[in-house]
Amino acid sequence: MKIDVFLTAEEAKRKEIHDSNIVVIDVLRATSVMITAMAHGVSKIHPYESIEEVREASLASSFSILCGERKGLTIHGFDYGNSPLEYQKDNIRGAEMFMTTSNGTRALRNIHGQNNRIWIASFLNLSSMSTFLETEKKDCTILCAGTENQFSLDDALCAGMLIQKLHCYEKSDLALALERLAKNSKNIAESLHAAKHYRYLKSIGLEKDLEFCCTPDQYSLLLEYDPNTNSICSI
């Protein structure tokens, strides 16, 4: 079994992936939000690239919440933004969540290929994700969403920490490099404090989000994305 890494959402658009467990990571903050929302009772999450798609798709649901961001800020007219702390409440239980973000939802929609299973990961469910992958007899591709089609250190560090936990895979050179990055990072927040996207979110007052998203293994959840129904569910 082999493990490889894509560093941006755009890479997934350019290359087909087949017969693989694909793990999508957008630490700051889309996949962290998805995991938190599912842990607090949403029934399904539907990711979209555009604001218009979210508005239109949500009309078919009897209990929908509209969620997302542009430039890190809540979209005008939406119920929630892209802060995981917003989703730690009971009034979302049972809702269908319609979501669009700058990077994470686009990464999911860019995936194409056959015979794949697609998973949602961040620091928040790292051990659950690695435990599952260790039992699989299938190649693994980690897709880091990145930030605006560029490398993002937060996603790369999370990927490296996941790779560190996977012992039964043949690792690509990039996977080995990210594993070494993780081994040299003793504290997640300290390792990311100078990173561009981390600094931007801090500059708009989201320090509590950063602290939350950088705290590993808060949830024991596996989230799977089905591209045929465009929905994410907990399994």
Protein backbone atom coordinates (compact mmCIF):
# COMPACT_ATOMS: atom_id res chain seq x y z
CA MET A 1 0.00 0.00 0.00
CA LYS A 2 1.23 3.46 -0.89
CA ILE A 3 0.62 6.92 0.53
CA ASP A 4 1.00 10.20 -1.35
CA VAL A 5 0.08 13.84 -0.77
CA PHE A 6 -1.39 16.67 -2.81
CA LEU A 7 -0.59 20.10 -1.40
CA THR A 8 -3.43 22.16 -2.90
CA ALA A 9 -7.02 21.74 -4.04
CA GLU A 10 -5.95 22.56 -7.58
CA GLU A 11 -3.73 19.47 -7.78
CA ALA A 12 -6.78 17.24 -7.31
CA LYS A 13 -8.47 18.99 -10.21
CA ARG A 14 -5.55 18.23 -12.52
CA LYS A 15 -5.05 14.57 -11.67
CA GLU A 16 -7.47 11.66 -11.37
CA ILE A 17 -7.21 9.44 -8.29
CA HIS A 18 -8.31 5.81 -8.40
CA ASP A 19 -8.68 2.97 -5.86
CA SER A 20 -7.65 5.09 -2.90
CA ASN A 21 -8.71 6.31 0.50
CA ILE A 22 -8.60 10.07 -0.03
CA VAL A 23 -8.21 12.15 3.13
CA VAL A 24 -9.13 15.82 2.74
CA ILE A 25 -7.56 18.26 5.22
CA ASP A 26 -8.40 21.94 5.67
CA VAL A 27 -7.35 22.62 9.25
CA LEU A 28 -8.12 26.37 9.17
CA ARG A 29 -10.98 25.83 9.11
CA ALA A 30 -13.40 23.91 6.87
CA THR A 31 -12.71 20.31 7.89
CA SER A 32 -12.44 21.35 11.54
CA VAL A 33 -15.91 22.90 11.22
CA MET A 34 -17.32 19.79 9.53
CA ILE A 35 -16.06 17.51 12.28
CA THR A 36 -17.32 19.80 15.04
CA ALA A 37 -20.75 20.26 13.45
CA MET A 38 -21.20 16.53 12.95
CA ALA A 39 -20.15 15.89 16.55
CA HIS A 40 -22.93 18.25 17.64
CA GLY A 41 -25.67 16.57 15.69
CA VAL A 42 -26.04 17.84 12.12
CA SER A 43 -27.46 15.07 9.95
CA LYS A 44 -25.55 15.78 6.73
CA ILE A 45 -23.17 18.33 5.29
CA HIS A 46 -23.39 19.37 1.64
CA PRO A 47 -20.27 21.18 0.34
CA TYR A 48 -20.45 23.60 -2.59
CA GLU A 49 -18.05 25.88 -4.39
CA SER A 50 -20.31 28.90 -4.77
CA ILE A 51 -22.65 30.95 -2.58
CA GLU A 52 -25.39 30.68 -5.20
CA GLU A 53 -25.23 26.86 -5.19
CA VAL A 54 -25.67 26.81 -1.41
CA ARG A 55 -28.70 29.08 -1.51
CA GLU A 56 -30.37 27.08 -4.28
CA ALA A 57 -29.64 23.60 -2.87
CA SER A 58 -30.85 24.51 0.62
CA LEU A 59 -34.35 25.25 -0.68
CA ALA A 60 -35.05 21.51 -0.97
CA SER A 61 -34.39 20.87 2.75
CA SER A 62 -37.02 21.20 5.48
CA PHE A 63 -34.34 21.99 8.10
CA SER A 64 -31.30 23.65 6.60
CA ILE A 65 -28.52 25.87 7.87
CA LEU A 66 -26.39 27.93 5.50
CA CYS A 67 -22.74 28.08 6.45
CA GLY A 68 -19.54 29.46 5.04
CA GLU A 69 -16.99 32.20 4.58
CA ARG A 70 -15.16 34.39 2.17
CA LYS A 71 -11.82 35.86 3.27
CA GLY A 72 -12.44 34.21 6.66
CA LEU A 73 -15.62 36.20 7.33
CA THR A 74 -19.24 35.00 7.51
CA ILE A 75 -21.14 35.33 4.22
CA HIS A 76 -23.90 37.95 4.35
CA GLY A 77 -27.28 36.32 4.96
CA PHE A 78 -25.85 32.96 6.06
CA ASP A 79 -26.72 31.39 9.42
CA TYR A 80 -23.16 30.55 10.42
CA GLY A 81 -19.62 31.29 9.37
CA ASN A 82 -16.57 29.06 9.36
CA SER A 83 -15.77 29.04 13.08
CA PRO A 84 -16.00 25.60 14.71
CA LEU A 85 -16.96 27.31 17.97
CA GLU A 86 -20.26 28.40 16.38
CA TYR A 87 -21.32 24.79 15.95
CA GLN A 88 -21.06 23.70 19.58
CA LYS A 89 -24.76 24.20 20.23
CA ASP A 90 -27.89 22.06 20.37
CA ASN A 91 -29.99 24.04 17.90
CA ILE A 92 -28.14 22.55 14.91
CA ARG A 93 -29.05 18.97 15.87
CA GLY A 94 -30.78 17.22 12.97
CA ALA A 95 -30.11 20.01 10.48
CA GLU A 96 -28.77 19.62 6.97
CA MET A 97 -25.77 21.89 6.59
CA PHE A 98 -25.11 23.60 3.25
CA MET A 99 -21.57 24.93 3.18
CA THR A 100 -19.16 26.89 1.00
CA THR A 101 -15.63 27.99 1.89
CA SER A 102 -12.67 29.47 0.08
CA ASN A 103 -10.60 26.27 0.05
CA GLY A 104 -11.97 23.16 1.78
CA THR A 105 -15.28 22.69 -0.01
CA ARG A 106 -13.57 23.37 -3.34
CA ALA A 107 -11.01 20.66 -2.59
CA LEU A 108 -13.80 18.13 -2.09
CA ARG A 109 -15.54 19.12 -5.30
CA ASN A 110 -12.29 18.92 -7.30
CA ILE A 111 -11.76 15.21 -6.61
CA HIS A 112 -12.35 12.93 -9.58
CA GLY A 113 -11.59 9.28 -10.23
CA GLN A 114 -13.05 5.86 -9.56
CA ASN A 115 -13.37 3.42 -6.67
CA ASN A 116 -12.34 5.90 -3.99
CA ARG A 117 -13.56 6.57 -0.48
CA ILE A 118 -13.24 10.18 0.64
CA TRP A 119 -12.66 11.17 4.26
CA ILE A 120 -12.63 14.40 6.26
CA ALA A 121 -9.75 15.03 8.66
CA SER A 122 -8.09 17.70 10.77
CA PHE A 123 -6.17 17.75 14.02
CA LEU A 124 -9.53 17.25 15.77
CA ASN A 125 -9.96 13.60 14.69
CA LEU A 126 -6.40 12.63 13.83
CA SER A 127 -6.17 9.41 15.88
CA SER A 128 -9.55 8.10 14.70
CA MET A 129 -8.54 8.70 11.11
CA SER A 130 -5.15 7.02 11.47
CA THR A 131 -6.60 4.01 13.30
CA PHE A 132 -9.05 3.44 10.47
CA LEU A 133 -6.43 3.81 7.74
CA GLU A 134 -4.11 1.34 9.47
CA THR A 135 -6.79 -1.35 9.07
CA GLU A 136 -7.35 -0.67 5.36
CA LYS A 137 -5.80 -2.60 2.50
CA LYS A 138 -5.89 0.32 0.10
CA ASP A 139 -3.63 3.12 -1.08
CA CYS A 140 -4.03 6.48 0.64
CA THR A 141 -3.94 9.97 -0.87
CA ILE A 142 -3.92 12.97 1.45
CA LEU A 143 -5.37 16.10 -0.15
CA CYS A 144 -4.37 19.31 1.60
CA ALA A 145 -6.78 22.09 0.62
CA GLY A 146 -4.12 24.79 0.85
CA THR A 147 -4.97 28.49 0.79
CA GLU A 148 -6.02 30.11 -2.48
CA ASN A 149 -4.22 27.43 -4.52
CA GLN A 150 -1.01 27.81 -2.53
CA PHE A 151 0.79 25.58 -0.03
CA SER A 152 -0.49 26.01 3.53
CA LEU A 153 1.69 24.99 6.45
CA ASP A 154 -1.24 24.11 8.73
CA ASP A 155 -2.60 21.48 6.34
CA ALA A 156 0.89 20.12 5.64
CA LEU A 157 1.67 19.74 9.34
CA CYS A 158 -1.60 17.91 9.93
CA ALA A 159 -0.87 15.63 6.99
CA GLY A 160 2.59 14.94 8.41
CA MET A 161 1.19 14.08 11.82
CA LEU A 162 -1.26 11.68 10.18
CA ILE A 163 1.52 10.08 8.13
CA GLN A 164 3.57 9.67 11.32
CA LYS A 165 0.84 7.40 12.67
CA LEU A 166 0.69 5.21 9.56
CA HIS A 167 3.27 2.44 9.69
CA CYS A 168 2.11 -0.03 7.05
CA TYR A 169 2.41 2.22 3.98
CA GLU A 170 5.12 2.82 1.41
CA LYS A 171 5.56 6.60 1.57
CA SER A 172 6.33 8.98 -1.29
CA ASP A 173 9.18 11.46 -0.92
CA LEU A 174 6.67 14.20 -0.16
CA ALA A 175 4.98 12.05 2.47
CA LEU A 176 8.38 11.40 4.06
CA ALA A 177 9.16 15.13 4.05
CA LEU A 178 5.89 15.97 5.80
CA GLU A 179 6.48 13.18 8.30
CA ARG A 180 9.85 14.76 9.12
CA LEU A 181 8.14 18.16 9.47
CA ALA A 182 5.76 16.66 12.01
CA LYS A 183 8.56 14.97 13.95
CA ASN A 184 10.30 18.33 14.31
CA SER A 185 7.13 20.11 15.50
CA LYS A 186 6.71 19.73 19.25
CA ASN A 187 3.82 22.19 19.60
CA ILE A 188 1.23 22.69 16.86
CA ALA A 189 0.35 26.33 17.54
CA GLU A 190 3.99 27.33 17.96
CA SER A 191 4.88 25.60 14.70
CA LEU A 192 2.17 27.52 12.85
CA HIS A 193 2.33 30.96 14.46
CA ALA A 194 4.39 32.49 11.63
CA ALA A 195 2.39 30.81 8.82
CA LYS A 196 0.56 33.17 6.46
CA HIS A 197 -3.00 31.88 6.90
CA TYR A 198 -2.58 31.46 10.65
CA ARG A 199 -1.41 35.08 10.91
CA TYR A 200 -4.30 36.31 8.77
CA LEU A 201 -6.95 34.61 10.90
CA LYS A 202 -5.29 35.97 14.01
CA SER A 203 -5.35 39.47 12.50
CA ILE A 204 -9.14 39.34 12.12
CA GLY A 205 -9.65 38.31 15.73
CA LEU A 206 -9.96 34.53 15.47
CA GLU A 207 -7.42 33.51 18.12
CA LYS A 208 -9.92 31.20 19.86
CA ASP A 209 -10.59 29.40 16.59
CA LEU A 210 -6.87 28.88 16.10
CA GLU A 211 -6.44 27.45 19.58
CA PHE A 212 -9.38 25.10 19.08
CA CYS A 213 -8.35 23.92 15.62
CA CYS A 214 -4.80 23.19 16.81
CA THR A 215 -5.91 20.96 19.69
CA PRO A 216 -5.72 17.33 18.52
CA ASP A 217 -8.12 14.43 19.08
CA GLN A 218 -11.10 16.29 20.49
CA TYR A 219 -13.49 13.97 18.65
CA SER A 220 -13.55 10.26 17.82
CA LEU A 221 -15.36 10.60 14.52
CA LEU A 222 -14.99 9.37 10.97
CA LEU A 223 -16.66 11.53 8.34
CA GLU A 224 -17.10 10.24 4.80
CA TYR A 225 -17.94 12.28 1.72
CA ASP A 226 -20.10 10.73 -1.02
CA PRO A 227 -19.63 12.66 -4.28
CA ASN A 228 -22.66 10.96 -5.84
CA THR A 229 -25.01 12.59 -3.33
CA ASN A 230 -22.66 15.47 -2.48
CA SER A 231 -23.06 14.74 1.21
CA ILE A 232 -20.85 14.14 4.23
CA CYS A 233 -22.04 11.79 6.97
CA SER A 234 -20.57 10.30 10.12
CA ILE A 235 -20.01 6.55 9.99
